[in-house]
Amino acid sequence: MQTDASALGRPSIIREASRIVSEEGVRAFWKGNGVTIVHRLPYSAISFYAYEKYKRVTVVLQHAFECKIFSIYI
């Protein structure tokens, strides 16, 4: 696909977005997004689980230090 440089004029996001919609449809904006989601989903799930787990452990340990219960095990 070759274009004439003089026909391009000033670049415009609106013009390019409308061109993409007219040539390829609205779904063209989401092309490749499914692969990204499949790639990131396991990573995000593990990160979320680890964050919640360690947050819970931190709260329990903080409570143990405040109640002096934890000092028995040290």
N, C-alpha and C. Protein backbone atom coordinates (compact mmCIF):
# COMPACT_ATOMS: atom_id res chain seq x y z
N MET A 1 0.85 -1.17 0.00
CA MET A 1 0.00 0.00 0.00
C MET A 1 0.89 1.23 0.00
N GLN A 2 0.84 1.99 -1.08
CA GLN A 2 1.62 3.21 -1.18
C GLN A 2 0.68 4.40 -1.26
N THR A 3 1.12 5.48 -0.66
CA THR A 3 0.30 6.70 -0.69
C THR A 3 1.17 7.85 -1.18
N ASP A 4 0.51 8.80 -1.76
CA ASP A 4 1.19 10.01 -2.21
C ASP A 4 1.34 10.94 -1.01
N ALA A 5 2.54 11.42 -0.73
CA ALA A 5 2.80 12.26 0.44
C ALA A 5 2.01 13.56 0.37
N SER A 6 1.77 14.09 -0.81
CA SER A 6 1.02 15.35 -0.91
C SER A 6 -0.46 15.15 -0.60
N ALA A 7 -0.97 13.94 -0.73
CA ALA A 7 -2.38 13.68 -0.46
C ALA A 7 -2.64 13.49 1.03
N LEU A 8 -1.59 13.26 1.79
CA LEU A 8 -1.78 13.01 3.22
C LEU A 8 -2.21 14.25 3.98
N GLY A 9 -1.59 15.37 3.74
CA GLY A 9 -1.92 16.58 4.48
C GLY A 9 -1.50 16.45 5.93
N ARG A 10 -2.18 17.20 6.80
CA ARG A 10 -1.87 17.13 8.23
C ARG A 10 -2.48 15.87 8.84
N PRO A 11 -1.73 15.20 9.69
CA PRO A 11 -2.29 14.01 10.34
C PRO A 11 -3.39 14.40 11.33
N SER A 12 -4.43 13.60 11.38
CA SER A 12 -5.54 13.87 12.28
C SER A 12 -6.03 12.54 12.87
N ILE A 13 -6.18 12.51 14.16
CA ILE A 13 -6.65 11.29 14.81
C ILE A 13 -8.08 10.99 14.40
N ILE A 14 -8.90 12.01 14.33
CA ILE A 14 -10.31 11.81 13.94
C ILE A 14 -10.40 11.27 12.52
N ARG A 15 -9.61 11.84 11.62
CA ARG A 15 -9.63 11.39 10.24
C ARG A 15 -9.17 9.94 10.12
N GLU A 16 -8.09 9.60 10.83
CA GLU A 16 -7.58 8.23 10.78
C GLU A 16 -8.55 7.25 11.43
N ALA A 17 -9.17 7.64 12.53
CA ALA A 17 -10.14 6.76 13.18
C ALA A 17 -11.33 6.51 12.27
N SER A 18 -11.80 7.54 11.61
CA SER A 18 -12.93 7.35 10.69
C SER A 18 -12.52 6.51 9.48
N ARG A 19 -11.28 6.65 9.03
CA ARG A 19 -10.80 5.82 7.93
C ARG A 19 -10.73 4.35 8.33
N ILE A 20 -10.25 4.09 9.53
CA ILE A 20 -10.17 2.71 10.02
C ILE A 20 -11.57 2.11 10.12
N VAL A 21 -12.52 2.88 10.65
CA VAL A 21 -13.89 2.40 10.78
C VAL A 21 -14.48 2.11 9.41
N SER A 22 -14.24 2.99 8.45
CA SER A 22 -14.84 2.79 7.12
C SER A 22 -14.18 1.62 6.36
N GLU A 23 -12.89 1.43 6.54
CA GLU A 23 -12.20 0.36 5.81
C GLU A 23 -12.31 -1.00 6.49
N GLU A 24 -12.16 -1.03 7.82
CA GLU A 24 -12.08 -2.31 8.51
C GLU A 24 -13.20 -2.55 9.52
N GLY A 25 -13.94 -1.52 9.87
CA GLY A 25 -15.00 -1.67 10.86
C GLY A 25 -14.52 -1.34 12.26
N VAL A 26 -15.46 -1.25 13.18
CA VAL A 26 -15.15 -0.87 14.56
C VAL A 26 -14.31 -1.94 15.25
N ARG A 27 -14.49 -3.19 14.86
CA ARG A 27 -13.74 -4.28 15.49
C ARG A 27 -12.23 -4.16 15.25
N ALA A 28 -11.81 -3.37 14.29
CA ALA A 28 -10.38 -3.21 14.01
C ALA A 28 -9.65 -2.57 15.19
N PHE A 29 -10.35 -1.76 15.99
CA PHE A 29 -9.72 -1.15 17.15
C PHE A 29 -9.40 -2.17 18.23
N TRP A 30 -10.08 -3.30 18.23
CA TRP A 30 -9.88 -4.33 19.24
C TRP A 30 -9.06 -5.50 18.73
N LYS A 31 -8.54 -5.39 17.52
CA LYS A 31 -7.74 -6.46 16.93
C LYS A 31 -6.50 -6.72 17.79
N GLY A 32 -6.29 -7.96 18.18
CA GLY A 32 -5.15 -8.32 19.00
C GLY A 32 -5.37 -8.17 20.49
N ASN A 33 -6.49 -7.61 20.90
CA ASN A 33 -6.74 -7.40 22.32
C ASN A 33 -6.99 -8.72 23.04
N GLY A 34 -7.61 -9.68 22.38
CA GLY A 34 -7.88 -10.97 23.00
C GLY A 34 -6.61 -11.69 23.42
N VAL A 35 -5.59 -11.63 22.57
CA VAL A 35 -4.31 -12.26 22.88
C VAL A 35 -3.67 -11.58 24.10
N THR A 36 -3.78 -10.28 24.18
CA THR A 36 -3.23 -9.55 25.31
C THR A 36 -3.94 -9.95 26.60
N ILE A 37 -5.25 -10.07 26.54
CA ILE A 37 -6.00 -10.46 27.74
C ILE A 37 -5.61 -11.87 28.18
N VAL A 38 -5.52 -12.80 27.23
CA VAL A 38 -5.14 -14.17 27.57
C VAL A 38 -3.73 -14.20 28.14
N HIS A 39 -2.87 -13.34 27.66
CA HIS A 39 -1.49 -13.27 28.15
C HIS A 39 -1.43 -12.68 29.56
N ARG A 40 -2.20 -11.65 29.83
CA ARG A 40 -2.12 -10.94 31.11
C ARG A 40 -3.00 -11.53 32.21
N LEU A 41 -4.01 -12.29 31.87
CA LEU A 41 -4.95 -12.79 32.87
C LEU A 41 -4.28 -13.65 33.94
N PRO A 42 -3.48 -14.64 33.60
CA PRO A 42 -2.84 -15.43 34.67
C PRO A 42 -1.93 -14.59 35.56
N TYR A 43 -1.17 -13.70 34.97
CA TYR A 43 -0.28 -12.83 35.74
C TYR A 43 -1.08 -11.96 36.71
N SER A 44 -2.15 -11.36 36.23
CA SER A 44 -2.97 -10.49 37.08
C SER A 44 -3.65 -11.29 38.18
N ALA A 45 -4.12 -12.48 37.87
CA ALA A 45 -4.78 -13.31 38.87
C ALA A 45 -3.81 -13.70 39.98
N ILE A 46 -2.61 -14.10 39.62
CA ILE A 46 -1.61 -14.48 40.62
C ILE A 46 -1.20 -13.28 41.46
N SER A 47 -1.02 -12.15 40.84
CA SER A 47 -0.65 -10.94 41.57
C SER A 47 -1.74 -10.53 42.55
N PHE A 48 -2.99 -10.59 42.11
CA PHE A 48 -4.11 -10.23 42.97
C PHE A 48 -4.19 -11.18 44.16
N TYR A 49 -4.07 -12.49 43.89
CA TYR A 49 -4.14 -13.48 44.96
C TYR A 49 -3.01 -13.27 45.97
N ALA A 50 -1.79 -13.07 45.48
CA ALA A 50 -0.65 -12.88 46.38
C ALA A 50 -0.81 -11.61 47.21
N TYR A 51 -1.27 -10.55 46.60
CA TYR A 51 -1.47 -9.29 47.33
C TYR A 51 -2.48 -9.49 48.46
N GLU A 52 -3.62 -10.10 48.15
CA GLU A 52 -4.65 -10.30 49.17
C GLU A 52 -4.16 -11.25 50.28
N LYS A 53 -3.43 -12.28 49.91
CA LYS A 53 -2.92 -13.24 50.89
C LYS A 53 -1.92 -12.56 51.83
N TYR A 54 -0.96 -11.84 51.28
CA TYR A 54 0.05 -11.18 52.11
C TYR A 54 -0.55 -10.04 52.93
N LYS A 55 -1.58 -9.40 52.41
CA LYS A 55 -2.25 -8.35 53.17
C LYS A 55 -2.91 -8.96 54.41
N ARG A 56 -3.56 -10.11 54.22
CA ARG A 56 -4.20 -10.80 55.34
C ARG A 56 -3.17 -11.25 56.37
N VAL A 57 -2.04 -11.78 55.92
CA VAL A 57 -0.98 -12.21 56.84
C VAL A 57 -0.42 -11.02 57.60
N THR A 58 -0.24 -9.91 56.93
CA THR A 58 0.28 -8.71 57.57
C THR A 58 -0.67 -8.22 58.66
N VAL A 59 -1.96 -8.24 58.40
CA VAL A 59 -2.93 -7.79 59.40
C VAL A 59 -2.90 -8.72 60.61
N VAL A 60 -2.81 -10.02 60.38
CA VAL A 60 -2.77 -10.98 61.48
C VAL A 60 -1.50 -10.77 62.32
N LEU A 61 -0.36 -10.59 61.66
CA LEU A 61 0.89 -10.36 62.39
C LEU A 61 0.86 -9.05 63.16
N GLN A 62 0.30 -8.03 62.55
CA GLN A 62 0.20 -6.74 63.22
C GLN A 62 -0.67 -6.87 64.47
N HIS A 63 -1.76 -7.57 64.35
CA HIS A 63 -2.64 -7.79 65.50
C HIS A 63 -1.93 -8.60 66.57
N ALA A 64 -1.14 -9.61 66.18
CA ALA A 64 -0.41 -10.43 67.14
C ALA A 64 0.62 -9.61 67.90
N PHE A 65 1.31 -8.70 67.22
CA PHE A 65 2.28 -7.85 67.90
C PHE A 65 1.60 -6.90 68.87
N GLU A 66 0.43 -6.39 68.49
CA GLU A 66 -0.28 -5.47 69.37
C GLU A 66 -0.80 -6.18 70.61
N CYS A 67 -1.20 -7.45 70.48
CA CYS A 67 -1.76 -8.21 71.60
C CYS A 67 -0.69 -8.94 72.40
N LYS A 68 0.56 -8.85 72.00
CA LYS A 68 1.68 -9.51 72.66
C LYS A 68 1.57 -11.03 72.63
N ILE A 69 0.68 -11.56 71.80
CA ILE A 69 0.55 -13.01 71.68
C ILE A 69 1.77 -13.56 70.93
N PHE A 70 2.23 -12.80 69.97
CA PHE A 70 3.34 -13.26 69.12
C PHE A 70 4.64 -13.38 69.92
N SER A 71 4.78 -12.67 71.02
CA SER A 71 6.03 -12.71 71.79
C SER A 71 6.28 -14.07 72.43
N ILE A 72 5.26 -14.88 72.57
CA ILE A 72 5.43 -16.22 73.12
C ILE A 72 6.26 -17.08 72.18
N TYR A 73 6.08 -16.89 70.88
CA TYR A 73 6.73 -17.73 69.88
C TYR A 73 8.11 -17.23 69.49
N ILE A 74 8.54 -16.10 70.00
CA ILE A 74 9.86 -15.57 69.63
C ILE A 74 10.93 -16.12 70.53
